[in-house]
Amino acid sequence: MLDALRRTRRTASQTDLPASRRHANVRGAFALAPHASVADAIVVLVDDVSTTGATLNACAAVLLTAGAREVRALIVARALTRTR
């Protein structure tokens, strides 16, 4: 296990935001940790709940930019949105 990411700024809780604002909320909120190297690695992110995927996408973008070959995600639960 590697603590490869760090938060660069505080963000509002994702649970308090509508889906349409979640990506903007976490954009630029993560960076590669100073000691981390992910070059050519397959990285697996672990998260408890994924609703829109905004946090996972923001983290994956940082890791891919840092040279990760691939980013995968393991989640405990996936929240479904109602279409009505």
Protein backbone atom coordinates (compact mmCIF):
# COMPACT_ATOMS: atom_id res chain seq x y z
CA MET A 1 0.00 0.00 0.00
CA LEU A 2 1.25 3.47 -0.88
CA ASP A 3 -0.20 6.77 0.25
CA ALA A 4 0.31 8.25 -3.20
CA LEU A 5 -2.19 11.10 -3.06
CA ARG A 6 -2.55 14.17 -0.89
CA ARG A 7 -5.33 16.70 -0.67
CA THR A 8 -4.23 20.15 -1.83
CA ARG A 9 -7.24 22.07 -0.57
CA ARG A 10 -10.34 21.63 1.53
CA THR A 11 -13.53 20.78 -0.32
CA ALA A 12 -17.18 20.73 0.56
CA SER A 13 -18.53 17.32 1.47
CA GLN A 14 -19.58 15.51 -1.70
CA THR A 15 -22.69 14.20 0.05
CA ASP A 16 -23.92 17.77 0.49
CA LEU A 17 -23.67 18.58 -3.22
CA PRO A 18 -25.88 17.73 -6.17
CA ALA A 19 -24.29 15.43 -8.73
CA SER A 20 -23.86 18.31 -11.17
CA ARG A 21 -21.42 20.09 -8.80
CA ARG A 22 -19.34 17.19 -7.54
CA HIS A 23 -16.74 17.12 -10.32
CA ALA A 24 -16.03 20.85 -9.98
CA ASN A 25 -15.80 20.48 -6.21
CA VAL A 26 -12.88 18.04 -6.38
CA ARG A 27 -11.16 19.37 -9.51
CA GLY A 28 -7.59 20.23 -8.53
CA ALA A 29 -8.12 19.04 -4.95
CA PHE A 30 -5.56 16.21 -5.13
CA ALA A 31 -1.87 15.94 -6.02
CA LEU A 32 0.78 13.26 -6.02
CA ALA A 33 2.40 12.95 -2.60
CA PRO A 34 6.04 14.13 -2.58
CA HIS A 35 7.46 10.68 -1.78
CA ALA A 36 5.26 8.74 -4.19
CA SER A 37 6.28 7.24 -7.49
CA VAL A 38 3.65 5.61 -9.68
CA ALA A 39 5.55 5.59 -12.97
CA ASP A 40 4.46 2.62 -15.10
CA ALA A 41 2.46 1.16 -12.19
CA ILE A 42 -1.02 -0.28 -12.13
CA VAL A 43 -2.64 1.62 -9.26
CA VAL A 44 -5.75 0.47 -7.41
CA LEU A 45 -7.82 3.13 -5.65
CA VAL A 46 -10.01 1.99 -2.76
CA ASP A 47 -13.13 3.94 -1.82
CA ASP A 48 -16.12 3.20 0.38
CA VAL A 49 -18.94 4.57 -1.79
CA SER A 50 -19.03 5.82 -5.36
CA THR A 51 -21.95 7.94 -6.43
CA THR A 52 -20.91 10.01 -9.45
CA GLY A 53 -17.29 8.85 -9.54
CA ALA A 54 -16.06 12.44 -9.25
CA THR A 55 -13.52 11.78 -6.50
CA LEU A 56 -12.22 8.62 -8.16
CA ASN A 57 -11.92 10.44 -11.50
CA ALA A 58 -10.05 13.36 -9.94
CA CYS A 59 -7.62 10.99 -8.21
CA ALA A 60 -7.14 8.85 -11.32
CA ALA A 61 -6.34 11.94 -13.40
CA VAL A 62 -3.51 12.88 -11.02
CA LEU A 63 -2.10 9.35 -11.04
CA LEU A 64 -2.25 9.02 -14.83
CA THR A 65 -0.57 12.41 -15.26
CA ALA A 66 2.16 11.21 -12.88
CA GLY A 67 2.83 8.24 -15.18
CA ALA A 68 0.66 5.42 -13.86
CA ARG A 69 0.11 2.86 -16.60
CA GLU A 70 -3.42 2.10 -15.42
CA VAL A 71 -5.76 3.11 -12.60
CA ARG A 72 -8.43 0.75 -11.28
CA ALA A 73 -10.96 1.29 -8.52
CA LEU A 74 -12.36 -0.97 -5.84
CA ILE A 75 -15.46 0.30 -4.09
CA VAL A 76 -17.56 -1.15 -1.30
CA ALA A 77 -20.85 0.26 -2.58
CA ARG A 78 -22.17 2.01 -5.66
CA ALA A 79 -24.99 4.49 -5.10
CA LEU A 80 -27.63 4.35 -7.79
CA THR A 81 -29.43 7.44 -8.98
CA ARG A 82 -33.11 7.35 -9.66
CA THR A 83 -34.29 8.23 -13.14
CA ARG A 84 -37.82 9.43 -12.94
